[in-house]
């Protein structure tokens, strides 16, 4: 994936972001892209809600092991709540994933169908599902549908990255993040990736 134009735009639009890009180097967002159908992608995002990357990965790995790596809607619905709780899912996430499975059987759009829609239309459609909020859909937009202009203003990593990079005394609120990110358009996803990576830099 060639991010040259995006990086040039971001460096010209924001000197602080330019400094981050120089420190971190090449954008490797394409290496983090996910595969799988909508059920696979959304179940992964539900598991990741309000968890560290490490904890989410561990639970997701145990979740997939229940289904030999490929969960189907029927298999999830046939799994007992206790088995889902035992791999680390909370009571609410167990409910959400089972509801997602039922909605899948009822006829959710495919990844291919979603790919034809604008970002906001996808957000509006998928947030009708229980337990799926804007952040969860934004992770799908970034890591599965490869959309380049998504700024997840409710993401704690984005909050922390901005506070650190811009030397703020407190975490910024979503409105402030949205305003800060306006000059980054239409490459706010790329900016977000650098903010996430910036948390790995030494102070």
N, C-alpha and C. Protein backbone atom coordinates (compact mmCIF):
# COMPACT_ATOMS: atom_id res chain seq x y z
N UNK A 1 0.85 -1.19 0.00
CA UNK A 1 0.00 0.00 0.00
C UNK A 1 0.89 1.24 0.00
N UNK A 2 0.59 2.18 -0.88
CA UNK A 2 1.40 3.40 -0.99
C UNK A 2 0.71 4.55 -0.23
N UNK A 3 1.34 4.97 0.86
CA UNK A 3 0.78 6.03 1.69
C UNK A 3 1.48 7.38 1.44
N UNK A 4 2.26 7.48 0.38
CA UNK A 4 3.09 8.66 0.14
C UNK A 4 2.28 9.95 0.12
N UNK A 5 1.20 9.98 -0.62
CA UNK A 5 0.39 11.21 -0.74
C UNK A 5 -0.23 11.55 0.61
N UNK A 6 -0.71 10.53 1.33
CA UNK A 6 -1.32 10.76 2.64
C UNK A 6 -0.30 11.35 3.61
N UNK A 7 0.90 10.79 3.64
CA UNK A 7 1.92 11.26 4.57
C UNK A 7 2.35 12.68 4.22
N UNK A 8 2.46 12.97 2.95
CA UNK A 8 2.83 14.33 2.53
C UNK A 8 1.79 15.33 2.99
N UNK A 9 0.52 14.99 2.82
CA UNK A 9 -0.57 15.88 3.24
C UNK A 9 -0.55 16.08 4.76
N UNK A 10 -0.40 15.00 5.51
CA UNK A 10 -0.43 15.09 6.97
C UNK A 10 0.75 15.91 7.50
N UNK A 11 1.91 15.73 6.91
CA UNK A 11 3.11 16.46 7.37
C UNK A 11 2.99 17.96 7.07
N UNK A 12 2.36 18.27 5.96
CA UNK A 12 2.17 19.68 5.60
C UNK A 12 1.08 20.35 6.45
N UNK A 13 0.11 19.55 6.89
CA UNK A 13 -1.05 20.12 7.58
C UNK A 13 -0.83 20.25 9.09
N UNK A 14 0.14 19.52 9.64
CA UNK A 14 0.28 19.49 11.10
C UNK A 14 1.74 19.20 11.48
N UNK A 15 2.48 20.20 11.94
CA UNK A 15 3.90 19.99 12.27
C UNK A 15 4.14 18.99 13.40
N UNK A 16 3.23 18.90 14.35
CA UNK A 16 3.39 17.93 15.44
C UNK A 16 3.22 16.51 14.90
N UNK A 17 2.23 16.32 14.05
CA UNK A 17 2.03 15.02 13.41
C UNK A 17 3.21 14.70 12.50
N UNK A 18 3.74 15.71 11.85
CA UNK A 18 4.92 15.51 10.99
C UNK A 18 6.08 14.96 11.80
N UNK A 19 6.26 15.47 13.01
CA UNK A 19 7.33 14.99 13.87
C UNK A 19 7.11 13.53 14.26
N UNK A 20 5.85 13.17 14.55
CA UNK A 20 5.53 11.77 14.87
C UNK A 20 5.84 10.85 13.70
N UNK A 21 5.45 11.28 12.52
CA UNK A 21 5.68 10.47 11.31
C UNK A 21 7.16 10.25 11.11
N UNK A 22 7.97 11.29 11.32
CA UNK A 22 9.42 11.17 11.17
C UNK A 22 10.00 10.20 12.19
N UNK A 23 9.47 10.22 13.42
CA UNK A 23 9.97 9.33 14.47
C UNK A 23 9.58 7.87 14.22
N UNK A 24 8.36 7.66 13.78
CA UNK A 24 7.83 6.30 13.64
C UNK A 24 8.24 5.66 12.32
N UNK A 25 8.31 6.47 11.28
CA UNK A 25 8.72 5.93 9.97
C UNK A 25 7.54 5.53 9.11
N UNK A 26 7.76 4.56 8.25
CA UNK A 26 6.75 4.17 7.26
C UNK A 26 5.45 3.73 7.92
N UNK A 27 4.35 4.05 7.27
CA UNK A 27 3.04 3.58 7.73
C UNK A 27 2.88 2.11 7.37
N UNK A 28 2.53 1.31 8.36
CA UNK A 28 2.35 -0.12 8.15
C UNK A 28 0.92 -0.56 8.48
N UNK A 29 0.00 0.36 8.27
CA UNK A 29 -1.40 0.06 8.54
C UNK A 29 -1.87 -1.14 7.73
N UNK A 30 -1.37 -1.27 6.51
CA UNK A 30 -1.82 -2.38 5.65
C UNK A 30 -1.49 -3.74 6.27
N UNK A 31 -0.44 -3.78 7.11
CA UNK A 31 -0.07 -5.04 7.75
C UNK A 31 -1.03 -5.42 8.88
N UNK A 32 -1.82 -4.45 9.32
CA UNK A 32 -2.78 -4.71 10.40
C UNK A 32 -4.18 -5.00 9.87
N UNK A 33 -4.33 -5.02 8.55
CA UNK A 33 -5.66 -5.24 7.97
C UNK A 33 -6.14 -6.66 8.26
N UNK A 34 -7.43 -6.78 8.50
CA UNK A 34 -8.03 -8.06 8.88
C UNK A 34 -8.78 -8.68 7.71
N UNK A 35 -9.08 -9.95 7.85
CA UNK A 35 -9.88 -10.65 6.85
C UNK A 35 -11.09 -11.25 7.56
N UNK A 36 -11.87 -11.99 6.83
CA UNK A 36 -13.04 -12.63 7.43
C UNK A 36 -14.34 -11.92 7.07
N UNK A 37 -15.45 -12.59 7.35
CA UNK A 37 -16.76 -12.03 7.02
C UNK A 37 -17.19 -11.03 8.09
N UNK A 38 -18.38 -10.49 7.95
CA UNK A 38 -18.86 -9.46 8.87
C UNK A 38 -19.00 -10.01 10.29
N UNK A 39 -19.50 -11.22 10.43
CA UNK A 39 -19.64 -11.84 11.75
C UNK A 39 -18.27 -11.95 12.43
N UNK A 40 -17.28 -12.40 11.70
CA UNK A 40 -15.93 -12.54 12.25
C UNK A 40 -15.39 -11.18 12.70
N UNK A 41 -15.54 -10.19 11.84
CA UNK A 41 -14.98 -8.86 12.13
C UNK A 41 -15.68 -8.18 13.30
N UNK A 42 -17.00 -8.21 13.31
CA UNK A 42 -17.73 -7.53 14.39
C UNK A 42 -17.60 -8.26 15.72
N UNK A 43 -17.55 -9.58 15.69
CA UNK A 43 -17.36 -10.31 16.95
C UNK A 43 -16.00 -9.97 17.54
N UNK A 44 -15.00 -9.83 16.69
CA UNK A 44 -13.67 -9.45 17.17
C UNK A 44 -13.70 -8.06 17.80
N UNK A 45 -14.41 -7.14 17.15
CA UNK A 45 -14.48 -5.78 17.68
C UNK A 45 -15.26 -5.73 19.00
N UNK A 46 -16.31 -6.52 19.10
CA UNK A 46 -17.08 -6.58 20.36
C UNK A 46 -16.17 -7.07 21.49
N UNK A 47 -15.41 -8.11 21.22
CA UNK A 47 -14.49 -8.64 22.23
C UNK A 47 -13.49 -7.58 22.66
N UNK A 48 -13.06 -6.72 21.72
CA UNK A 48 -12.02 -5.72 21.99
C UNK A 48 -12.52 -4.51 22.76
N UNK A 49 -13.81 -4.34 22.85
CA UNK A 49 -14.37 -3.15 23.51
C UNK A 49 -13.84 -2.99 24.94
N UNK A 50 -13.28 -1.81 25.22
CA UNK A 50 -12.84 -1.43 26.56
C UNK A 50 -11.79 -2.37 27.15
N UNK A 51 -11.00 -3.01 26.29
CA UNK A 51 -9.91 -3.88 26.75
C UNK A 51 -8.60 -3.44 26.12
N UNK A 52 -7.50 -3.78 26.78
CA UNK A 52 -6.20 -3.54 26.17
C UNK A 52 -6.04 -4.47 24.97
N UNK A 53 -5.16 -4.11 24.07
CA UNK A 53 -4.92 -4.94 22.87
C UNK A 53 -4.50 -6.35 23.27
N UNK A 54 -3.65 -6.44 24.28
CA UNK A 54 -3.14 -7.75 24.72
C UNK A 54 -4.26 -8.63 25.27
N UNK A 55 -5.09 -8.05 26.13
CA UNK A 55 -6.20 -8.82 26.72
C UNK A 55 -7.21 -9.24 25.67
N UNK A 56 -7.52 -8.32 24.76
CA UNK A 56 -8.49 -8.62 23.70
C UNK A 56 -7.99 -9.75 22.80
N UNK A 57 -6.71 -9.70 22.48
CA UNK A 57 -6.14 -10.74 21.61
C UNK A 57 -6.22 -12.12 22.27
N UNK A 58 -5.93 -12.17 23.56
CA UNK A 58 -5.97 -13.44 24.28
C UNK A 58 -7.38 -14.02 24.31
N UNK A 59 -8.37 -13.18 24.60
CA UNK A 59 -9.76 -13.65 24.65
C UNK A 59 -10.24 -14.06 23.27
N UNK A 60 -9.87 -13.26 22.25
CA UNK A 60 -10.30 -13.58 20.89
C UNK A 60 -9.72 -14.92 20.44
N UNK A 61 -8.47 -15.19 20.80
CA UNK A 61 -7.83 -16.46 20.44
C UNK A 61 -8.57 -17.63 21.07
N UNK A 62 -8.96 -17.47 22.34
CA UNK A 62 -9.72 -18.55 23.02
C UNK A 62 -11.11 -18.70 22.42
N UNK A 63 -11.70 -17.57 22.03
CA UNK A 63 -13.03 -17.59 21.40
C UNK A 63 -12.97 -18.37 20.08
N UNK A 64 -11.97 -18.07 19.25
CA UNK A 64 -11.84 -18.76 17.96
C UNK A 64 -11.59 -20.25 18.14
N UNK A 65 -10.88 -20.61 19.21
CA UNK A 65 -10.57 -22.03 19.46
C UNK A 65 -11.83 -22.86 19.67
N UNK A 66 -12.91 -22.20 20.09
CA UNK A 66 -14.19 -22.90 20.25
C UNK A 66 -14.74 -23.38 18.91
N UNK A 67 -14.30 -22.74 17.84
CA UNK A 67 -14.89 -22.98 16.52
C UNK A 67 -13.85 -23.36 15.47
N UNK A 68 -12.75 -23.91 15.91
CA UNK A 68 -11.66 -24.27 15.00
C UNK A 68 -11.24 -23.09 14.14
N UNK A 69 -11.35 -21.90 14.70
CA UNK A 69 -10.86 -20.70 14.02
C UNK A 69 -11.87 -19.96 13.18
N UNK A 70 -13.00 -20.60 12.85
CA UNK A 70 -13.98 -19.94 11.97
C UNK A 70 -15.37 -20.04 12.58
N UNK A 71 -15.77 -19.03 13.38
CA UNK A 71 -17.10 -19.08 13.99
C UNK A 71 -18.20 -18.86 12.96
N UNK A 72 -19.24 -19.65 13.02
CA UNK A 72 -20.43 -19.42 12.20
C UNK A 72 -21.55 -18.97 13.12
N UNK A 73 -22.56 -18.35 12.55
CA UNK A 73 -23.69 -17.88 13.36
C UNK A 73 -24.36 -19.06 14.08
N UNK A 74 -24.55 -20.17 13.36
CA UNK A 74 -25.21 -21.32 13.96
C UNK A 74 -24.39 -21.87 15.13
N UNK A 75 -23.08 -21.94 14.94
CA UNK A 75 -22.21 -22.50 15.99
C UNK A 75 -22.22 -21.62 17.23
N UNK A 76 -22.19 -20.29 17.04
CA UNK A 76 -22.22 -19.38 18.18
C UNK A 76 -23.53 -19.54 18.95
N UNK A 77 -24.64 -19.62 18.24
CA UNK A 77 -25.94 -19.75 18.91
C UNK A 77 -26.06 -21.08 19.65
N UNK A 78 -25.32 -22.08 19.18
CA UNK A 78 -25.36 -23.39 19.83
C UNK A 78 -24.35 -23.51 20.97
N UNK A 79 -23.57 -22.46 21.20
CA UNK A 79 -22.59 -22.47 22.28
C UNK A 79 -23.26 -21.97 23.55
N UNK A 80 -23.04 -22.66 24.64
CA UNK A 80 -23.65 -22.24 25.90
C UNK A 80 -23.03 -20.93 26.39
N UNK A 81 -23.83 -20.18 27.12
CA UNK A 81 -23.31 -18.93 27.70
C UNK A 81 -22.10 -19.20 28.59
N UNK A 82 -22.14 -20.32 29.32
CA UNK A 82 -21.04 -20.65 30.21
C UNK A 82 -19.74 -20.85 29.44
N UNK A 83 -19.83 -21.50 28.28
CA UNK A 83 -18.62 -21.72 27.48
C UNK A 83 -18.05 -20.39 26.98
N UNK A 84 -18.92 -19.47 26.61
CA UNK A 84 -18.46 -18.16 26.15
C UNK A 84 -17.88 -17.36 27.32
N UNK A 85 -18.51 -17.48 28.47
CA UNK A 85 -17.98 -16.78 29.67
C UNK A 85 -16.62 -17.35 30.06
N UNK A 86 -16.45 -18.65 29.86
CA UNK A 86 -15.20 -19.30 30.27
C UNK A 86 -14.00 -18.89 29.42
N UNK A 87 -14.25 -18.40 28.19
CA UNK A 87 -13.12 -17.93 27.39
C UNK A 87 -12.79 -16.47 27.69
N UNK A 88 -13.60 -15.85 28.56
CA UNK A 88 -13.29 -14.50 28.99
C UNK A 88 -14.29 -13.43 28.62
N UNK A 89 -15.40 -13.84 27.98
CA UNK A 89 -16.40 -12.84 27.60
C UNK A 89 -17.23 -12.44 28.81
N UNK A 90 -17.52 -11.17 28.93
CA UNK A 90 -18.41 -10.71 29.99
C UNK A 90 -19.83 -11.15 29.67
N UNK A 91 -20.70 -10.98 30.65
CA UNK A 91 -22.11 -11.35 30.43
C UNK A 91 -22.71 -10.53 29.29
N UNK A 92 -22.41 -9.22 29.26
CA UNK A 92 -22.97 -8.36 28.21
C UNK A 92 -22.40 -8.71 26.84
N UNK A 93 -21.10 -8.99 26.77
CA UNK A 93 -20.50 -9.33 25.47
C UNK A 93 -20.99 -10.68 24.96
N UNK A 94 -21.27 -11.59 25.87
CA UNK A 94 -21.88 -12.87 25.47
C UNK A 94 -23.24 -12.61 24.82
N UNK A 95 -24.02 -11.74 25.44
CA UNK A 95 -25.33 -11.38 24.89
C UNK A 95 -25.18 -10.72 23.52
N UNK A 96 -24.22 -9.80 23.41
CA UNK A 96 -24.03 -9.06 22.15
C UNK A 96 -23.61 -10.00 21.01
N UNK A 97 -22.70 -10.91 21.30
CA UNK A 97 -22.21 -11.81 20.24
C UNK A 97 -23.30 -12.78 19.81
N UNK A 98 -24.11 -13.23 20.75
CA UNK A 98 -25.22 -14.11 20.36
C UNK A 98 -26.28 -13.35 19.56
N UNK A 99 -26.52 -12.11 19.93
CA UNK A 99 -27.46 -11.29 19.17
C UNK A 99 -26.92 -11.03 17.76
N UNK A 100 -25.62 -10.79 17.67
CA UNK A 100 -24.98 -10.60 16.35
C UNK A 100 -25.15 -11.85 15.49
N UNK A 101 -24.97 -13.00 16.10
CA UNK A 101 -25.13 -14.25 15.36
C UNK A 101 -26.57 -14.40 14.85
N UNK A 102 -27.54 -14.08 15.69
CA UNK A 102 -28.94 -14.16 15.28
C UNK A 102 -29.24 -13.18 14.16
N UNK A 103 -28.72 -11.96 14.29
CA UNK A 103 -28.92 -10.95 13.25
C UNK A 103 -28.28 -11.39 11.93
N UNK A 104 -27.15 -12.09 12.04
CA UNK A 104 -26.48 -12.61 10.84
C UNK A 104 -27.39 -13.59 10.11
N UNK A 105 -28.00 -14.48 10.86
CA UNK A 105 -28.94 -15.43 10.26
C UNK A 105 -30.16 -14.72 9.67
N UNK A 106 -30.54 -13.61 10.30
CA UNK A 106 -31.70 -12.85 9.81
C UNK A 106 -31.39 -12.08 8.53
N UNK A 107 -30.08 -11.93 8.23
CA UNK A 107 -29.72 -11.29 6.97
C UNK A 107 -29.00 -9.95 7.06
N UNK A 108 -27.84 -9.92 7.70
CA UNK A 108 -27.02 -8.71 7.69
C UNK A 108 -26.35 -8.57 6.33
N UNK A 109 -25.95 -7.34 5.96
CA UNK A 109 -25.23 -7.17 4.69
C UNK A 109 -23.87 -7.85 4.75
N UNK A 110 -23.35 -8.19 3.59
CA UNK A 110 -22.01 -8.79 3.52
C UNK A 110 -20.97 -7.68 3.49
N UNK A 111 -19.72 -8.06 3.67
CA UNK A 111 -18.61 -7.10 3.57
C UNK A 111 -18.62 -6.46 2.19
N UNK A 112 -18.87 -7.25 1.16
CA UNK A 112 -18.90 -6.73 -0.21
C UNK A 112 -20.00 -5.69 -0.39
N UNK A 113 -21.15 -5.95 0.20
CA UNK A 113 -22.26 -4.99 0.10
C UNK A 113 -21.95 -3.71 0.88
N UNK A 114 -21.34 -3.86 2.04
CA UNK A 114 -20.99 -2.68 2.84
C UNK A 114 -19.94 -1.83 2.13
N UNK A 115 -19.04 -2.48 1.42
CA UNK A 115 -17.96 -1.77 0.74
C UNK A 115 -18.47 -0.78 -0.29
N UNK A 116 -19.70 -0.92 -0.71
CA UNK A 116 -20.28 -0.03 -1.71
C UNK A 116 -20.90 1.22 -1.07
N UNK A 117 -20.97 1.25 0.27
CA UNK A 117 -21.64 2.34 0.97
C UNK A 117 -20.64 3.37 1.50
N UNK A 118 -21.13 4.59 1.75
CA UNK A 118 -20.32 5.61 2.40
C UNK A 118 -20.13 5.24 3.88
N UNK A 119 -19.07 5.80 4.48
CA UNK A 119 -18.75 5.47 5.87
C UNK A 119 -19.94 5.67 6.81
N UNK A 120 -20.56 6.84 6.74
CA UNK A 120 -21.62 7.17 7.69
C UNK A 120 -22.84 6.26 7.50
N UNK A 121 -23.10 5.86 6.26
CA UNK A 121 -24.22 4.94 6.01
C UNK A 121 -23.96 3.58 6.66
N UNK A 122 -22.70 3.16 6.66
CA UNK A 122 -22.32 1.90 7.31
C UNK A 122 -22.49 2.02 8.82
N UNK A 123 -22.06 3.16 9.37
CA UNK A 123 -22.21 3.40 10.81
C UNK A 123 -23.69 3.34 11.20
N UNK A 124 -24.53 4.03 10.45
CA UNK A 124 -25.95 4.08 10.78
C UNK A 124 -26.60 2.70 10.69
N UNK A 125 -26.18 1.90 9.73
CA UNK A 125 -26.79 0.58 9.55
C UNK A 125 -26.35 -0.39 10.64
N UNK A 126 -25.06 -0.42 10.95
CA UNK A 126 -24.55 -1.44 11.87
C UNK A 126 -24.77 -1.09 13.34
N UNK A 127 -24.92 0.19 13.66
CA UNK A 127 -25.17 0.54 15.06
C UNK A 127 -26.60 0.21 15.49
N UNK A 128 -27.41 -0.31 14.58
CA UNK A 128 -28.72 -0.82 14.94
C UNK A 128 -28.61 -2.16 15.69
N UNK A 129 -27.43 -2.79 15.57
CA UNK A 129 -27.21 -4.09 16.21
C UNK A 129 -26.86 -3.87 17.68
N UNK A 130 -27.42 -4.68 18.55
CA UNK A 130 -27.18 -4.55 19.99
C UNK A 130 -25.68 -4.68 20.29
N UNK A 131 -25.16 -3.73 21.07
CA UNK A 131 -23.75 -3.80 21.46
C UNK A 131 -22.77 -3.24 20.45
N UNK A 132 -23.29 -2.79 19.30
CA UNK A 132 -22.42 -2.22 18.26
C UNK A 132 -22.58 -0.70 18.27
N UNK A 133 -21.57 -0.01 18.72
CA UNK A 133 -21.58 1.44 18.72
C UNK A 133 -20.71 2.00 17.61
N UNK A 134 -20.59 3.31 17.59
CA UNK A 134 -19.82 3.98 16.54
C UNK A 134 -18.36 3.51 16.52
N UNK A 135 -17.75 3.39 17.70
CA UNK A 135 -16.34 2.98 17.76
C UNK A 135 -16.15 1.61 17.12
N UNK A 136 -17.04 0.67 17.43
CA UNK A 136 -16.93 -0.68 16.90
C UNK A 136 -17.00 -0.68 15.38
N UNK A 137 -17.92 0.11 14.83
CA UNK A 137 -18.04 0.19 13.37
C UNK A 137 -16.81 0.88 12.77
N UNK A 138 -16.28 1.87 13.47
CA UNK A 138 -15.09 2.55 12.97
C UNK A 138 -13.90 1.60 12.89
N UNK A 139 -13.78 0.67 13.82
CA UNK A 139 -12.71 -0.32 13.74
C UNK A 139 -12.89 -1.20 12.50
N UNK A 140 -14.14 -1.51 12.19
CA UNK A 140 -14.43 -2.27 10.96
C UNK A 140 -14.04 -1.45 9.73
N UNK A 141 -14.38 -0.17 9.74
CA UNK A 141 -14.05 0.71 8.61
C UNK A 141 -12.54 0.78 8.40
N UNK A 142 -11.80 0.87 9.50
CA UNK A 142 -10.35 1.03 9.40
C UNK A 142 -9.66 -0.28 9.03
N UNK A 143 -9.96 -1.34 9.79
CA UNK A 143 -9.15 -2.55 9.69
C UNK A 143 -9.72 -3.63 8.77
N UNK A 144 -10.95 -3.46 8.32
CA UNK A 144 -11.51 -4.46 7.40
C UNK A 144 -11.88 -3.85 6.06
N UNK A 145 -12.45 -2.65 6.07
CA UNK A 145 -12.88 -2.02 4.82
C UNK A 145 -11.85 -1.03 4.26
N UNK A 146 -10.75 -0.85 5.01
CA UNK A 146 -9.61 -0.07 4.52
C UNK A 146 -9.98 1.38 4.19
N UNK A 147 -10.86 1.96 4.98
CA UNK A 147 -11.25 3.36 4.74
C UNK A 147 -10.18 4.29 5.31
N UNK A 148 -9.83 5.34 4.59
CA UNK A 148 -8.67 6.17 4.91
C UNK A 148 -9.02 7.44 5.69
N UNK A 149 -10.29 7.72 5.91
CA UNK A 149 -10.62 9.00 6.55
C UNK A 149 -11.53 8.80 7.76
N UNK A 150 -11.09 7.94 8.67
CA UNK A 150 -11.85 7.64 9.88
C UNK A 150 -11.06 8.13 11.09
N UNK A 151 -11.70 8.92 11.94
CA UNK A 151 -11.07 9.39 13.18
C UNK A 151 -11.94 8.95 14.36
N UNK A 152 -11.53 7.89 15.06
CA UNK A 152 -12.34 7.38 16.18
C UNK A 152 -12.15 8.25 17.43
N UNK A 153 -12.98 9.26 17.55
CA UNK A 153 -12.81 10.27 18.60
C UNK A 153 -13.08 9.73 20.01
N UNK A 154 -13.67 8.55 20.11
CA UNK A 154 -13.95 7.96 21.42
C UNK A 154 -12.89 6.92 21.83
N UNK A 155 -11.87 6.75 21.01
CA UNK A 155 -10.85 5.73 21.27
C UNK A 155 -9.85 6.24 22.30
N UNK A 156 -9.65 5.46 23.37
CA UNK A 156 -8.76 5.89 24.45
C UNK A 156 -7.32 6.05 23.95
N UNK A 157 -6.89 5.18 23.03
CA UNK A 157 -5.54 5.30 22.49
C UNK A 157 -5.34 6.60 21.74
N UNK A 158 -6.37 7.03 21.02
CA UNK A 158 -6.30 8.31 20.31
C UNK A 158 -6.23 9.46 21.32
N UNK A 159 -7.04 9.39 22.36
CA UNK A 159 -7.02 10.40 23.42
C UNK A 159 -5.62 10.50 24.03
N UNK A 160 -5.05 9.34 24.38
CA UNK A 160 -3.75 9.32 25.05
C UNK A 160 -2.64 9.78 24.11
N UNK A 161 -2.72 9.36 22.85
CA UNK A 161 -1.71 9.76 21.88
C UNK A 161 -1.69 11.26 21.64
N UNK A 162 -2.88 11.85 21.57
CA UNK A 162 -2.98 13.30 21.35
C UNK A 162 -2.48 14.05 22.59
N UNK A 163 -2.88 13.60 23.76
CA UNK A 163 -2.42 14.30 24.98
C UNK A 163 -0.89 14.31 25.04
N UNK A 164 -0.30 13.18 24.72
CA UNK A 164 1.17 13.07 24.78
C UNK A 164 1.85 13.88 23.68
N UNK A 165 1.38 13.72 22.45
CA UNK A 165 2.03 14.39 21.32
C UNK A 165 1.90 15.90 21.38
N UNK A 166 0.74 16.36 21.85
CA UNK A 166 0.47 17.80 21.85
C UNK A 166 0.70 18.44 23.22
N UNK A 167 1.30 17.65 24.14
CA UNK A 167 1.67 18.14 25.48
C UNK A 167 0.49 18.77 26.22
N UNK A 168 -0.64 18.07 26.21
CA UNK A 168 -1.83 18.56 26.92
C UNK A 168 -1.79 18.09 28.37
N UNK A 169 -2.38 18.85 29.25
CA UNK A 169 -2.40 18.48 30.67
C UNK A 169 -3.46 17.43 30.96
N UNK A 170 -4.52 17.40 30.15
CA UNK A 170 -5.60 16.44 30.35
C UNK A 170 -5.94 15.75 29.03
N UNK A 171 -6.65 14.65 29.13
CA UNK A 171 -7.12 13.98 27.91
C UNK A 171 -8.09 14.88 27.17
N UNK A 172 -7.97 15.01 25.86
CA UNK A 172 -8.90 15.84 25.09
C UNK A 172 -10.26 15.15 24.99
N UNK A 173 -11.32 15.95 24.85
CA UNK A 173 -12.65 15.36 24.66
C UNK A 173 -12.88 15.10 23.17
N UNK A 174 -13.91 14.31 22.84
CA UNK A 174 -14.15 13.97 21.44
C UNK A 174 -14.31 15.19 20.52
N UNK A 175 -14.98 16.23 21.01
CA UNK A 175 -15.17 17.42 20.19
C UNK A 175 -13.83 18.08 19.85
N UNK A 176 -12.95 18.15 20.83
CA UNK A 176 -11.64 18.74 20.60
C UNK A 176 -10.82 17.90 19.62
N UNK A 177 -10.95 16.59 19.71
CA UNK A 177 -10.23 15.70 18.79
C UNK A 177 -10.73 15.88 17.37
N UNK A 178 -12.05 15.95 17.23
CA UNK A 178 -12.63 16.16 15.90
C UNK A 178 -12.13 17.46 15.27
N UNK A 179 -12.05 18.50 16.09
CA UNK A 179 -11.59 19.79 15.60
C UNK A 179 -10.11 19.75 15.23
N UNK A 180 -9.31 19.12 16.10
CA UNK A 180 -7.88 18.99 15.82
C UNK A 180 -7.64 18.22 14.53
N UNK A 181 -8.49 17.21 14.28
CA UNK A 181 -8.29 16.34 13.13
C UNK A 181 -8.82 16.87 11.81
N UNK A 182 -9.48 18.02 11.83
CA UNK A 182 -10.05 18.54 10.57
C UNK A 182 -8.99 18.72 9.47
N UNK A 183 -7.80 19.28 9.79
CA UNK A 183 -6.80 19.46 8.74
C UNK A 183 -6.24 18.14 8.19
N UNK A 184 -6.45 17.05 8.91
CA UNK A 184 -5.92 15.76 8.47
C UNK A 184 -6.75 15.14 7.35
N UNK A 185 -7.95 15.63 7.15
CA UNK A 185 -8.81 15.05 6.10
C UNK A 185 -8.12 15.19 4.73
N UNK A 186 -8.28 14.21 3.86
CA UNK A 186 -9.07 12.96 3.95
C UNK A 186 -8.24 11.74 4.37
N UNK A 187 -7.29 11.95 5.27
CA UNK A 187 -6.41 10.85 5.67
C UNK A 187 -6.38 10.67 7.19
N UNK A 188 -7.52 10.83 7.83
CA UNK A 188 -7.55 10.77 9.30
C UNK A 188 -7.27 9.37 9.83
N UNK A 189 -7.55 8.33 9.06
CA UNK A 189 -7.20 6.98 9.47
C UNK A 189 -5.69 6.85 9.62
N UNK A 190 -4.95 7.40 8.67
CA UNK A 190 -3.49 7.30 8.70
C UNK A 190 -2.95 8.07 9.91
N UNK A 191 -3.52 9.23 10.17
CA UNK A 191 -3.14 10.01 11.35
C UNK A 191 -3.42 9.20 12.62
N UNK A 192 -4.56 8.53 12.66
CA UNK A 192 -4.92 7.72 13.83
C UNK A 192 -3.90 6.61 14.05
N UNK A 193 -3.48 5.98 12.97
CA UNK A 193 -2.49 4.90 13.10
C UNK A 193 -1.20 5.42 13.73
N UNK A 194 -0.76 6.60 13.32
CA UNK A 194 0.46 7.18 13.90
C UNK A 194 0.25 7.56 15.37
N UNK A 195 -0.92 8.02 15.73
CA UNK A 195 -1.19 8.34 17.13
C UNK A 195 -1.16 7.07 17.99
N UNK A 196 -1.71 5.99 17.47
CA UNK A 196 -1.65 4.71 18.21
C UNK A 196 -0.21 4.26 18.38
N UNK A 197 0.56 4.33 17.28
CA UNK A 197 1.97 3.89 17.33
C UNK A 197 2.81 4.80 18.23
N UNK A 198 2.41 6.05 18.34
CA UNK A 198 3.20 7.00 19.13
C UNK A 198 3.25 6.60 20.61
N UNK A 199 2.26 5.84 21.06
CA UNK A 199 2.23 5.40 22.46
C UNK A 199 3.33 4.40 22.75
N UNK A 200 3.92 3.83 21.69
CA UNK A 200 5.02 2.87 21.87
C UNK A 200 6.38 3.56 21.93
N UNK A 201 6.42 4.85 21.61
CA UNK A 201 7.68 5.60 21.66
C UNK A 201 8.06 5.87 23.11
N UNK A 202 9.34 5.89 23.38
CA UNK A 202 9.80 6.25 24.72
C UNK A 202 9.67 7.75 24.92
N UNK A 203 9.35 8.10 26.15
CA UNK A 203 9.17 9.53 26.47
C UNK A 203 10.49 10.28 26.25
